[in-house]
PDB file of N, CA and C in Angstrom:
ATOM      1  N   MET A   1     102.794 122.503 120.941  1.00  0.00           N
ATOM      2  CA  MET A   1     102.144 123.431 120.076  1.00  0.00           C
ATOM      3  C   MET A   1     102.360 122.422 118.599  1.00  0.00           C
ATOM      4  N   GLN A   2     101.164 122.271 117.705  1.00  0.00           N
ATOM      5  CA  GLN A   2     101.170 121.925 116.620  1.00  0.00           C
ATOM      6  C   GLN A   2     101.519 123.047 115.314  1.00  0.00           C
ATOM      7  N   SER A   3     102.298 122.313 114.399  1.00  0.00           N
ATOM      8  CA  SER A   3     102.004 123.099 113.151  1.00  0.00           C
ATOM      9  C   SER A   3     101.154 123.259 112.438  1.00  0.00           C
ATOM     10  N   LYS A   4     100.910 124.479 111.123  1.00  0.00           N
ATOM     11  CA  LYS A   4      99.904 123.994 110.639  1.00  0.00           C
ATOM     12  C   LYS A   4      99.647 123.087 109.549  1.00  0.00           C
ATOM     13  N   ILE A   5     101.212 122.646 109.246  1.00  0.00           N
ATOM     14  CA  ILE A   5     101.365 121.782 108.003  1.00  0.00           C
ATOM     15  C   ILE A   5     100.968 120.325 108.899  1.00  0.00           C
ATOM     16  N   ALA A   6     101.476 120.260 109.735  1.00  0.00           N
ATOM     17  CA  ALA A   6     100.949 119.019 110.517  1.00  0.00           C
ATOM     18  C   ALA A   6      99.900 118.740 111.043  1.00  0.00           C
ATOM     19  N   THR A   7      98.832 119.779 111.358  1.00  0.00           N
ATOM     20  CA  THR A   7      97.101 119.761 111.518  1.00  0.00           C
ATOM     21  C   THR A   7      96.518 119.682 110.195  1.00  0.00           C
ATOM     22  N   ALA A   8      97.156 119.790 109.472  1.00  0.00           N
ATOM     23  CA  ALA A   8      96.313 119.796 107.943  1.00  0.00           C
ATOM     24  C   ALA A   8      96.867 118.522 107.327  1.00  0.00           C
ATOM     25  N   ALA A   9      98.121 117.754 107.602  1.00  0.00           N
ATOM     26  CA  ALA A   9      98.042 116.533 107.081  1.00  0.00           C
ATOM     27  C   ALA A   9      97.502 115.736 108.268  1.00  0.00           C
ATOM     28  N   LYS A  10      97.121 116.024 109.157  1.00  0.00           N
ATOM     29  CA  LYS A  10      96.653 114.964 110.153  1.00  0.00           C
ATOM     30  C   LYS A  10      95.154 115.036 109.930  1.00  0.00           C
ATOM     31  N   ASN A  11      94.232 116.164 109.369  1.00  0.00           N
ATOM     32  CA  ASN A  11      93.294 115.954 109.007  1.00  0.00           C
ATOM     33  C   ASN A  11      93.170 115.485 107.554  1.00  0.00           C
ATOM     34  N   ALA A  12      93.596 115.722 106.809  1.00  0.00           N
ATOM     35  CA  ALA A  12      93.881 114.911 105.957  1.00  0.00           C
ATOM     36  C   ALA A  12      93.688 113.591 105.652  1.00  0.00           C
ATOM     37  N   LEU A  13      94.784 113.212 107.212  1.00  0.00           N
ATOM     38  CA  LEU A  13      94.401 111.436 106.625  1.00  0.00           C
ATOM     39  C   LEU A  13      93.349 111.233 107.543  1.00  0.00           C
ATOM     40  N   ILE A  14      92.492 111.741 108.100  1.00  0.00           N
ATOM     41  CA  ILE A  14      91.203 111.194 109.210  1.00  0.00           C
ATOM     42  C   ILE A  14      90.434 111.475 107.788  1.00  0.00           C
ATOM     43  N   ALA A  15      90.269 112.126 106.902  1.00  0.00           N
ATOM     44  CA  ALA A  15      89.040 111.979 106.092  1.00  0.00           C
ATOM     45  C   ALA A  15      89.364 111.126 104.903  1.00  0.00           C
ATOM     46  N   SER A  16      91.101 110.847 104.672  1.00  0.00           N
ATOM     47  CA  SER A  16      90.761 109.892 103.528  1.00  0.00           C
ATOM     48  C   SER A  16      90.357 108.498 104.341  1.00  0.00           C
ATOM     49  N   ALA A  17      90.781 108.097 105.730  1.00  0.00           N
ATOM     50  CA  ALA A  17      90.866 107.401 106.354  1.00  0.00           C
ATOM     51  C   ALA A  17      89.427 106.923 106.447  1.00  0.00           C
ATOM     52  N   ALA A  18      88.530 108.030 106.835  1.00  0.00           N
ATOM     53  CA  ALA A  18      87.150 107.981 106.771  1.00  0.00           C
ATOM     54  C   ALA A  18      86.056 107.463 105.870  1.00  0.00           C
ATOM     55  N   ARG A  19      87.053 108.038 104.527  1.00  0.00           N
ATOM     56  CA  ARG A  19      86.053 107.245 102.927  1.00  0.00           C
ATOM     57  C   ARG A  19      86.485 106.036 102.696  1.00  0.00           C
ATOM     58  N   LEU A  20      87.988 105.012 103.421  1.00  0.00           N
ATOM     59  CA  LEU A  20      87.828 103.916 102.956  1.00  0.00           C
ATOM     60  C   LEU A  20      86.761 103.013 103.357  1.00  0.00           C
ATOM     61  N   SER A  21      86.487 101.710 102.420  1.00  0.00           N
ATOM     62  CA  SER A  21      85.749 100.714 102.390  1.00  0.00           C
ATOM     63  C   SER A  21      85.852 100.059 103.678  1.00  0.00           C
ATOM     64  N   PRO A  22      85.085  98.939 104.325  1.00  0.00           N
ATOM     65  CA  PRO A  22      85.424  98.331 105.101  1.00  0.00           C
ATOM     66  C   PRO A  22      86.500  97.384 105.048  1.00  0.00           C
ATOM     67  N   GLU A  23      86.506  96.943 103.665  1.00  0.00           N
ATOM     68  CA  GLU A  23      87.930  96.067 103.154  1.00  0.00           C
ATOM     69  C   GLU A  23      89.024  96.268 102.942  1.00  0.00           C
ATOM     70  N   GLU A  24      89.102  97.917 101.998  1.00  0.00           N
ATOM     71  CA  GLU A  24      90.228  98.927 102.503  1.00  0.00           C
ATOM     72  C   GLU A  24      90.939  99.100 103.277  1.00  0.00           C
ATOM     73  N   ARG A  25      90.469  99.002 104.752  1.00  0.00           N
ATOM     74  CA  ARG A  25      90.356  99.344 105.903  1.00  0.00           C
ATOM     75  C   ARG A  25      91.338  98.121 106.335  1.00  0.00           C
ATOM     76  N   LEU A  26      90.473  96.647 106.258  1.00  0.00           N
ATOM     77  CA  LEU A  26      91.153  95.723 106.228  1.00  0.00           C
ATOM     78  C   LEU A  26      92.374  95.344 106.231  1.00  0.00           C
ATOM     79  N   ASN A  27      92.822  95.667 104.669  1.00  0.00           N
ATOM     80  CA  ASN A  27      93.711  95.614 103.549  1.00  0.00           C
ATOM     81  C   ASN A  27      94.991  96.481 104.071  1.00  0.00           C
ATOM     82  N   ALA A  28      94.524  97.582 104.710  1.00  0.00           N
ATOM     83  CA  ALA A  28      95.627  98.889 105.215  1.00  0.00           C
ATOM     84  C   ALA A  28      96.133  97.725 106.617  1.00  0.00           C
ATOM     85  N   PHE A  29      95.179  97.457 106.929  1.00  0.00           N
ATOM     86  CA  PHE A  29      95.536  97.142 108.342  1.00  0.00           C
ATOM     87  C   PHE A  29      96.148  95.954 108.607  1.00  0.00           C
ATOM     88  N   LEU A  30      96.134  94.956 107.384  1.00  0.00           N
ATOM     89  CA  LEU A  30      96.968  93.766 107.174  1.00  0.00           C
ATOM     90  C   LEU A  30      98.113  94.187 106.980  1.00  0.00           C
ATOM     91  N   THR A  31      98.038  95.396 106.126  1.00  0.00           N
ATOM     92  CA  THR A  31      99.680  95.487 105.136  1.00  0.00           C
ATOM     93  C   THR A  31     100.471  96.047 106.222  1.00  0.00           C
ATOM     94  N   HIS A  32      99.920  96.920 107.086  1.00  0.00           N
ATOM     95  CA  HIS A  32     100.655  97.885 108.196  1.00  0.00           C
ATOM     96  C   HIS A  32     101.067  96.448 108.972  1.00  0.00           C
ATOM     97  N   SER A  33     100.377  95.586 109.023  1.00  0.00           N
ATOM     98  CA  SER A  33     101.304  94.638 110.708  1.00  0.00           C
ATOM     99  C   SER A  33     101.814  93.498 109.806  1.00  0.00           C
ATOM    100  N   ARG A  34     101.799  93.525 108.781  1.00  0.00           N
ATOM    101  CA  ARG A  34     103.133  92.395 107.810  1.00  0.00           C
ATOM    102  C   ARG A  34     104.432  93.463 107.930  1.00  0.00           C
ATOM    103  N   LEU A  35     104.244  94.799 107.659  1.00  0.00           N
ATOM    104  CA  LEU A  35     105.315  95.195 107.723  1.00  0.00           C
ATOM    105  C   LEU A  35     105.806  95.412 109.172  1.00  0.00           C
ATOM    106  N   LEU A  36     104.783  95.478 110.224  1.00  0.00           N
ATOM    107  CA  LEU A  36     105.657  95.642 111.317  1.00  0.00           C
ATOM    108  C   LEU A  36     106.137  94.427 112.015  1.00  0.00           C
ATOM    109  N   VAL A  37     105.736  93.485 111.700  1.00  0.00           N
ATOM    110  CA  VAL A  37     106.197  92.252 111.739  1.00  0.00           C
ATOM    111  C   VAL A  37     107.631  92.271 110.740  1.00  0.00           C
ATOM    112  N   GLU A  38     108.018  92.133 109.418  1.00  0.00           N
ATOM    113  CA  GLU A  38     109.375  92.218 108.640  1.00  0.00           C
ATOM    114  C   GLU A  38     110.245  93.168 109.851  1.00  0.00           C
ATOM    115  N   LEU A  39     109.559  94.681 110.194  1.00  0.00           N
ATOM    116  CA  LEU A  39     110.631  95.517 111.330  1.00  0.00           C
ATOM    117  C   LEU A  39     110.853  94.938 112.411  1.00  0.00           C
ATOM    118  N   HIS A  40     110.222  93.795 113.043  1.00  0.00           N
ATOM    119  CA  HIS A  40     110.422  93.116 114.210  1.00  0.00           C
ATOM    120  C   HIS A  40     111.721  91.955 113.675  1.00  0.00           C
ATOM    121  N   VAL A  41     111.325  91.575 112.816  1.00  0.00           N
ATOM    122  CA  VAL A  41     111.717  90.346 112.510  1.00  0.00           C
ATOM    123  C   VAL A  41     114.042  90.782 111.762  1.00  0.00           C
ATOM    124  N   ALA A  42     113.592  91.874 111.321  1.00  0.00           N
ATOM    125  CA  ALA A  42     114.888  92.676 110.902  1.00  0.00           C
ATOM    126  C   ALA A  42     115.798  92.985 112.060  1.00  0.00           C
ATOM    127  N   GLY A  43     115.068  93.428 113.065  1.00  0.00           N
ATOM    128  CA  GLY A  43     115.620  94.165 113.999  1.00  0.00           C
ATOM    129  C   GLY A  43     116.236  92.856 115.080  1.00  0.00           C
ATOM    130  N   ALA A  44     115.433  91.899 115.372  1.00  0.00           N
ATOM    131  CA  ALA A  44     116.023  90.910 116.378  1.00  0.00           C
ATOM    132  C   ALA A  44     117.150  89.937 114.902  1.00  0.00           C
ATOM    133  N   HIS A  45     116.912  90.167 113.973  1.00  0.00           N
ATOM    134  CA  HIS A  45     118.689  89.462 113.337  1.00  0.00           C
ATOM    135  C   HIS A  45     119.151  90.177 113.362  1.00  0.00           C
ATOM    136  N   LEU A  46     119.293  91.930 113.439  1.00  0.00           N
ATOM    137  CA  LEU A  46     120.124  92.309 113.633  1.00  0.00           C
ATOM    138  C   LEU A  46     120.881  92.104 114.970  1.00  0.00           C
ATOM    139  N   ARG A  47     120.106  92.403 115.874  1.00  0.00           N
ATOM    140  CA  ARG A  47     120.626  92.120 117.314  1.00  0.00           C
ATOM    141  C   ARG A  47     121.123  90.857 117.209  1.00  0.00           C
ATOM    142  N   GLU A  48     120.281  89.750 116.697  1.00  0.00           N
ATOM    143  CA  GLU A  48     121.585  88.177 117.132  1.00  0.00           C
ATOM    144  C   GLU A  48     122.671  88.278 116.254  1.00  0.00           C
ATOM    145  N   SER A  49     122.672  88.907 115.398  1.00  0.00           N
ATOM    146  CA  SER A  49     124.097  88.773 114.596  1.00  0.00           C
ATOM    147  C   SER A  49     125.002  89.652 115.078  1.00  0.00           C
ATOM    148  N   THR A  50     124.723  90.956 115.870  1.00  0.00           N
ATOM    149  CA  THR A  50     125.445  91.923 116.796  1.00  0.00           C
ATOM    150  C   THR A  50     126.099  90.911 117.961  1.00  0.00           C
ATOM    151  N   LEU A  51     125.193  90.265 118.376  1.00  0.00           N
ATOM    152  CA  LEU A  51     125.557  89.796 119.627  1.00  0.00           C
ATOM    153  C   LEU A  51     126.559  88.413 119.425  1.00  0.00           C
ATOM    154  N   SER A  52     126.587  87.460 118.547  1.00  0.00           N
ATOM    155  CA  SER A  52     127.301  86.689 118.261  1.00  0.00           C
ATOM    156  C   SER A  52     128.335  87.024 117.332  1.00  0.00           C
ATOM    157  N   THR A  53     129.179  88.020 117.292  1.00  0.00           N
ATOM    158  CA  THR A  53     130.328  88.356 117.183  1.00  0.00           C
ATOM    159  C   THR A  53     131.367  87.676 117.526  1.00  0.00           C
ATOM    160  N   LYS A  54     131.354  86.282 117.089  1.00  0.00           N
ATOM    161  CA  LYS A  54     132.561  85.615 117.712  1.00  0.00           C
ATOM    162  C   LYS A  54     133.387  85.695 118.859  1.00  0.00           C
ATOM    163  N   GLY A  55     131.939  85.890 120.203  1.00  0.00           N
ATOM    164  CA  GLY A  55     132.284  85.843 121.173  1.00  0.00           C
ATOM    165  C   GLY A  55     133.041  87.282 121.583  1.00  0.00           C
ATOM    166  N   ALA A  56     133.355  88.507 120.844  1.00  0.00           N
ATOM    167  CA  ALA A  56     134.076  89.686 121.271  1.00  0.00           C
ATOM    168  C   ALA A  56     133.061  90.272 122.103  1.00  0.00           C
ATOM    169  N   THR A  57     133.275  91.252 123.455  1.00  0.00           N
ATOM    170  CA  THR A  57     132.733  91.992 124.183  1.00  0.00           C
ATOM    171  C   THR A  57     132.042  93.254 123.141  1.00  0.00           C
ATOM    172  N   LEU A  58     131.067  93.166 123.102  1.00  0.00           N
ATOM    173  CA  LEU A  58     129.719  94.575 122.205  1.00  0.00           C
ATOM    174  C   LEU A  58     130.906  95.799 123.136  1.00  0.00           C
ATOM    175  N   ARG A  59     130.806  96.870 123.033  1.00  0.00           N
ATOM    176  CA  ARG A  59     131.068  97.969 123.530  1.00  0.00           C
ATOM    177  C   ARG A  59     130.590  99.073 123.042  1.00  0.00           C
ATOM    178  N   ARG A  60     130.111 100.334 123.298  1.00  0.00           N
ATOM    179  CA  ARG A  60     129.450 101.110 123.236  1.00  0.00           C
ATOM    180  C   ARG A  60     130.661 102.202 122.314  1.00  0.00           C
ATOM    181  N   PRO A  61     130.164 103.046 122.006  1.00  0.00           N
ATOM    182  CA  PRO A  61     130.874 104.221 121.217  1.00  0.00           C
ATOM    183  C   PRO A  61     132.103 104.579 122.335  1.00  0.00           C
ATOM    184  N   SER A  62     131.494 104.483 123.658  1.00  0.00           N
ATOM    185  CA  SER A  62     132.147 105.270 124.356  1.00  0.00           C
ATOM    186  C   SER A  62     133.273 104.864 125.141  1.00  0.00           C
ATOM    187  N   GLY A  63     133.007 103.355 124.017  1.00  0.00           N
ATOM    188  CA  GLY A  63     134.292 102.383 124.655  1.00  0.00           C
ATOM    189  C   GLY A  63     134.074 101.314 125.885  1.00  0.00           C
ATOM    190  N   LYS A  64     132.988 101.824 126.577  1.00  0.00           N
ATOM    191  CA  LYS A  64     132.179 100.809 127.986  1.00  0.00           C
ATOM    192  C   LYS A  64     131.449  99.293 127.422  1.00  0.00           C
ATOM    193  N   PRO A  65     131.520  98.312 127.466  1.00  0.00           N
ATOM    194  CA  PRO A  65     130.871  97.569 127.184  1.00  0.00           C
ATOM    195  C   PRO A  65     129.057  97.757 127.398  1.00  0.00           C
ATOM    196  N   LEU A  66     128.538  97.113 126.465  1.00  0.00           N
ATOM    197  CA  LEU A  66     127.001  96.830 126.690  1.00  0.00           C
ATOM    198  C   LEU A  66     126.212  96.391 127.979  1.00  0.00           C
TER     199      LEU A  66
END
């Protein structure tokens, strides 16, 4: 079940996307793709730095090893 606000926001997004020119759509897609790559790289760096903490065994909050 969706809320009225979520439905209205979805409809507004669809309407605004329909008004974009092909060039604007391409630019939006390019920006979206670049942001996804930045998130992926940041996550990879975080995982890498977490895994290489001087040979220490990584543990969950419960105290069990990962």
